[in-house]
Amino acid sequence: MVEQLSAPVPGPRAGSPGPVVVRALVVDDEPALVRVVAAYLEREGFEVRTAGDGFEALRLAREAEPDVVVLVDVMMPGIDGLEVCRRLRTFSDAYVIMLTARAEEIDTLLGLSVGADDYLTKPFSPRVLVARIRTMLRRPRGSSSPAEPSDAGPPGRRFGALTIDPEAREVWLDGRSVVLTRTEFDLLEALSSRPRTAFTRAQLIERVWGPGWFGDERLVDIHLGHVRRKLGDDPAAPTYVRTVRGVGYRMGPG
């Protein structure tokens, strides 16, 4: 459900330069919602494809290679949005915003645990959705196929067995590539940029999501939990990402 669903969609701004074209995929089994969201995105200069079920969404994601996917979480024919997101993450680094009709914390955790970057609770404003997408798109894209580490050039940031290369956007642990989502990498890069400096959640939100982002700061905890799991970092005795009680997080030895 979209707020003010029956309101007319504004037309293009006359005489204004169009924004850079970005490919978007909108997935929901509610045709009215899809039409409104697609219309707002097209009005903002996005190239939009739409899908009404999970299998069509995955097919279009492979075919169109979208930059961002707007995806309902559950209640979709075929496979639900959570499974679509999980499968999408095996071949795409597109930003994913999940739309949920359920505000319970467990539902949010489920959506983010399968690789979503952000979420909105229905009903929502299309303008807010576009603003959140624009904020995410200011962040750099990740590397989809990391190369083998080279002896040439700068070694990156080293923390014991962990190497972080901000320029190549690659992470290596004991010589093995660690596959992170863009959000996970951006958080790790922010922490590693100032070792032993404690970052608050608000500071990490500003660094990674941008100063225009607004929402639940627990996103930081959830995504850093994924980073720790992929690094084999025991939360009770972490080696790399450490919790600073009452403040936030930092990197470096204890």
Protein backbone atom coordinates (compact mmCIF):
# COMPACT_ATOMS: atom_id res chain seq x y z
CA MET A 1 0.00 0.00 0.00
CA VAL A 2 1.25 3.46 -0.93
CA GLU A 3 0.21 6.63 0.84
CA GLN A 4 -2.16 8.76 -1.26
CA LEU A 5 -2.37 6.01 -3.85
CA SER A 6 -5.03 7.82 -5.86
CA ALA A 7 -3.08 11.10 -6.05
CA PRO A 8 -1.88 12.00 -9.55
CA VAL A 9 1.75 11.39 -10.32
CA PRO A 10 3.58 14.65 -11.09
CA GLY A 11 4.77 15.06 -14.64
CA PRO A 12 8.35 15.77 -15.72
CA ARG A 13 9.84 19.06 -14.66
CA ALA A 14 9.78 21.26 -17.72
CA GLY A 15 13.14 22.65 -18.75
CA SER A 16 15.09 20.84 -16.00
CA PRO A 17 18.08 18.62 -16.83
CA GLY A 18 17.32 14.95 -16.43
CA PRO A 19 19.20 12.92 -13.81
CA VAL A 20 21.60 10.13 -14.76
CA VAL A 21 19.60 7.13 -15.94
CA VAL A 22 19.54 4.32 -13.39
CA ARG A 23 17.99 0.89 -13.97
CA ALA A 24 15.35 -0.08 -11.42
CA LEU A 25 13.28 -3.23 -10.96
CA VAL A 26 10.01 -2.96 -9.00
CA VAL A 27 8.58 -6.24 -7.71
CA ASP A 28 5.19 -6.65 -6.04
CA ASP A 29 1.99 -8.58 -6.65
CA GLU A 30 -0.11 -5.43 -6.14
CA PRO A 31 -0.44 -3.91 -9.65
CA ALA A 32 -1.62 -0.54 -8.32
CA LEU A 33 1.43 -0.20 -6.08
CA VAL A 34 3.77 -1.23 -8.88
CA ARG A 35 2.26 1.33 -11.25
CA VAL A 36 2.59 4.21 -8.78
CA VAL A 37 6.14 3.35 -7.71
CA ALA A 38 7.23 2.80 -11.32
CA ALA A 39 5.66 6.10 -12.38
CA TYR A 40 7.47 8.05 -9.67
CA LEU A 41 10.79 6.43 -10.53
CA GLU A 42 10.30 7.06 -14.26
CA ARG A 43 9.43 10.68 -13.51
CA GLU A 44 12.80 10.93 -11.70
CA GLY A 45 14.65 9.59 -14.74
CA PHE A 46 14.93 5.89 -13.83
CA GLU A 47 14.64 3.16 -16.44
CA VAL A 48 12.06 0.86 -14.83
CA ARG A 49 11.14 -2.79 -15.28
CA THR A 50 8.37 -4.42 -13.24
CA ALA A 51 7.53 -7.93 -12.08
CA GLY A 52 4.51 -9.42 -10.35
CA ASP A 53 6.04 -12.61 -8.98
CA GLY A 54 9.36 -13.94 -7.70
CA PHE A 55 10.38 -16.03 -10.68
CA GLU A 56 9.74 -13.17 -13.12
CA ALA A 57 11.73 -10.89 -10.83
CA LEU A 58 14.79 -13.14 -10.94
CA ARG A 59 14.54 -13.51 -14.71
CA LEU A 60 14.35 -9.74 -15.22
CA ALA A 61 17.17 -9.15 -12.73
CA ARG A 62 19.47 -11.37 -14.81
CA GLU A 63 18.29 -9.82 -18.07
CA ALA A 64 18.19 -6.12 -17.15
CA GLU A 65 20.96 -6.03 -14.49
CA PRO A 66 19.22 -3.35 -12.40
CA ASP A 67 21.09 -0.92 -10.16
CA VAL A 68 18.33 -1.03 -7.56
CA VAL A 69 15.50 -3.46 -6.77
CA VAL A 70 12.35 -2.46 -4.88
CA LEU A 71 11.00 -5.73 -3.53
CA VAL A 72 8.02 -6.72 -1.40
CA ASP A 73 9.05 -9.10 1.37
CA VAL A 74 6.29 -11.73 1.44
CA MET A 75 2.86 -12.56 0.03
CA MET A 76 3.99 -12.97 -3.56
CA PRO A 77 3.12 -15.79 -5.99
CA GLY A 78 5.76 -18.44 -6.65
CA ILE A 79 8.53 -17.54 -4.21
CA ASP A 80 8.39 -14.74 -1.68
CA GLY A 81 10.56 -11.65 -1.65
CA LEU A 82 12.92 -12.98 1.01
CA GLU A 83 13.86 -15.92 -1.19
CA VAL A 84 14.09 -13.64 -4.24
CA CYS A 85 16.56 -11.44 -2.35
CA ARG A 86 18.56 -14.46 -1.21
CA ARG A 87 18.86 -15.78 -4.79
CA LEU A 88 19.48 -12.29 -6.19
CA ARG A 89 22.52 -11.94 -3.96
CA THR A 90 24.15 -14.93 -5.67
CA PHE A 91 24.55 -13.03 -8.96
CA SER A 92 23.80 -9.33 -8.41
CA ASP A 93 25.13 -6.48 -6.28
CA ALA A 94 22.09 -4.28 -6.92
CA TYR A 95 20.84 -2.23 -4.01
CA VAL A 96 17.71 -3.84 -2.55
CA ILE A 97 14.99 -1.97 -0.67
CA MET A 98 12.39 -4.28 0.83
CA LEU A 99 8.80 -3.21 1.32
CA THR A 100 7.10 -4.82 4.30
CA ALA A 101 3.56 -4.63 5.61
CA ARG A 102 4.79 -5.98 8.96
CA ALA A 103 6.74 -3.70 11.26
CA GLU A 104 7.81 -6.38 13.74
CA GLU A 105 11.53 -6.49 14.42
CA ILE A 106 11.85 -10.14 13.38
CA ASP A 107 10.55 -9.31 9.89
CA THR A 108 13.09 -6.52 9.51
CA LEU A 109 15.87 -8.82 10.66
CA LEU A 110 14.81 -11.48 8.16
CA GLY A 111 14.85 -9.04 5.26
CA LEU A 112 18.28 -7.67 6.11
CA SER A 113 19.71 -11.10 6.85
CA VAL A 114 19.17 -12.22 3.24
CA GLY A 115 21.01 -9.22 1.81
CA ALA A 116 18.61 -6.27 1.66
CA ASP A 117 20.25 -2.86 2.11
CA ASP A 118 17.25 -1.01 3.49
CA TYR A 119 13.53 -1.39 4.11
CA LEU A 120 10.32 0.64 4.22
CA THR A 121 7.11 -0.22 6.03
CA LYS A 122 3.81 0.00 4.16
CA PRO A 123 2.07 2.39 3.77
CA PHE A 124 4.91 4.58 2.52
CA SER A 125 5.41 7.74 0.50
CA PRO A 126 6.84 7.26 -3.02
CA ARG A 127 8.81 10.48 -2.48
CA VAL A 128 10.46 8.95 0.59
CA LEU A 129 11.25 5.81 -1.39
CA VAL A 130 12.89 7.83 -4.17
CA ALA A 131 14.86 9.85 -1.62
CA ARG A 132 16.17 6.67 0.04
CA ILE A 133 17.17 5.26 -3.35
CA ARG A 134 18.97 8.47 -4.31
CA THR A 135 20.89 8.40 -1.02
CA MET A 136 22.01 4.82 -1.58
CA LEU A 137 23.07 5.47 -5.16
CA ARG A 138 25.59 8.07 -4.02
CA ARG A 139 27.64 5.20 -2.65
CA PRO A 140 30.13 3.41 -4.96
CA ARG A 141 29.28 0.10 -6.56
CA GLY A 142 31.08 -2.98 -5.34
CA SER A 143 33.33 -5.30 -7.27
CA SER A 144 31.35 -8.28 -8.57
CA SER A 145 34.35 -10.46 -9.38
CA PRO A 146 37.34 -9.83 -7.11
CA ALA A 147 40.73 -10.58 -8.64
CA GLU A 148 43.50 -12.51 -7.00
CA PRO A 149 45.60 -10.37 -4.65
CA SER A 150 48.73 -8.99 -6.29
CA ASP A 151 52.18 -8.38 -4.89
CA ALA A 152 52.31 -5.14 -6.88
CA GLY A 153 50.84 -1.89 -5.66
CA PRO A 154 49.70 -0.86 -2.18
CA PRO A 155 48.87 -3.75 0.16
CA GLY A 156 45.71 -2.16 1.51
CA ARG A 157 44.83 -1.97 5.19
CA ARG A 158 46.06 -4.93 7.20
CA PHE A 159 44.67 -6.21 10.48
CA GLY A 160 46.50 -9.45 11.17
CA ALA A 161 45.22 -11.99 8.65
CA LEU A 162 42.66 -9.51 7.32
CA THR A 163 43.39 -7.20 4.37
CA ILE A 164 41.00 -4.48 3.20
CA ASP A 165 41.62 -2.82 -0.16
CA PRO A 166 39.41 0.30 -0.37
CA GLU A 167 40.32 1.09 -3.99
CA ALA A 168 39.56 -2.37 -5.34
CA ARG A 169 36.73 -2.80 -2.79
CA GLU A 170 38.06 -6.24 -1.89
CA VAL A 171 38.56 -8.06 1.40
CA TRP A 172 40.94 -10.97 1.98
CA LEU A 173 41.23 -13.21 5.03
CA ASP A 174 44.16 -15.63 5.21
CA GLY A 175 44.60 -15.18 1.44
CA ARG A 176 40.97 -16.05 0.68
CA SER A 177 38.50 -13.59 -0.81
CA VAL A 178 35.65 -12.59 1.52
CA VAL A 179 32.47 -11.72 -0.37
CA LEU A 180 30.65 -8.80 1.23
CA THR A 181 27.63 -6.83 0.11
CA ARG A 182 28.21 -3.16 -0.66
CA THR A 183 26.72 -2.11 2.65
CA GLU A 184 28.87 -4.58 4.57
CA PHE A 185 32.02 -3.46 2.75
CA ASP A 186 31.23 0.22 3.27
CA LEU A 187 30.86 -0.29 7.02
CA LEU A 188 34.09 -2.27 7.25
CA GLU A 189 35.92 0.33 5.14
CA ALA A 190 34.65 3.15 7.38
CA LEU A 191 35.82 1.40 10.53
CA SER A 192 39.20 0.48 9.04
CA SER A 193 39.83 4.03 7.83
CA ARG A 194 40.53 5.11 11.42
CA PRO A 195 41.73 2.08 13.40
CA ARG A 196 41.13 2.21 17.17
CA THR A 197 38.72 5.13 16.70
CA ALA A 198 35.28 4.38 18.14
CA PHE A 199 32.47 5.26 15.74
CA THR A 200 28.95 5.87 16.96
CA ARG A 201 26.09 4.32 15.01
CA ALA A 202 25.08 7.81 13.89
CA GLN A 203 28.58 8.45 12.52
CA LEU A 204 28.54 5.16 10.63
CA ILE A 205 25.07 5.92 9.28
CA GLU A 206 26.35 9.27 7.97
CA ARG A 207 29.47 7.69 6.44
CA VAL A 208 27.71 4.75 4.79
CA TRP A 209 24.09 5.73 4.17
CA GLY A 210 24.75 9.46 3.85
CA PRO A 211 23.65 12.56 5.80
CA GLY A 212 20.23 12.54 4.16
CA TRP A 213 19.32 9.06 5.41
CA PHE A 214 16.75 8.59 8.14
CA GLY A 215 15.59 5.37 9.74
CA ASP A 216 16.49 2.77 12.34
CA GLU A 217 20.13 2.86 13.48
CA ARG A 218 19.91 -0.86 14.28
CA LEU A 219 20.71 -1.38 10.60
CA VAL A 220 24.34 -0.87 11.64
CA ASP A 221 24.19 -3.68 14.20
CA ILE A 222 22.57 -6.08 11.77
CA HIS A 223 24.98 -5.49 8.88
CA LEU A 224 28.05 -5.58 11.13
CA GLY A 225 26.73 -8.85 12.52
CA HIS A 226 26.87 -10.21 8.96
CA VAL A 227 30.42 -8.88 8.57
CA ARG A 228 31.53 -10.60 11.77
CA ARG A 229 29.99 -13.88 10.65
CA LYS A 230 31.76 -13.76 7.28
CA LEU A 231 35.07 -12.94 8.98
CA GLY A 232 34.61 -15.70 11.54
CA ASP A 233 34.71 -13.01 14.23
CA ASP A 234 33.34 -14.28 17.56
CA PRO A 235 31.11 -11.50 19.00
CA ALA A 236 32.12 -12.58 22.52
CA ALA A 237 35.83 -12.18 21.73
CA PRO A 238 36.14 -10.38 18.37
CA THR A 239 39.43 -10.04 16.53
CA TYR A 240 38.46 -7.40 13.99
CA VAL A 241 35.16 -5.59 14.64
CA ARG A 242 34.87 -4.66 18.29
CA THR A 243 31.89 -3.29 20.20
CA VAL A 244 32.58 -0.23 22.32
CA ARG A 245 29.99 -0.36 25.06
CA GLY A 246 27.80 2.72 25.18
CA VAL A 247 29.36 4.16 22.00
CA GLY A 248 29.38 1.93 18.92
CA TYR A 249 32.14 0.05 17.09
CA ARG A 250 35.83 0.21 16.24
CA MET A 251 38.52 -1.90 14.61
CA GLY A 252 41.90 -2.94 15.91
CA PRO A 253 43.37 -4.94 18.77
CA GLY A 254 41.90 -4.78 22.24
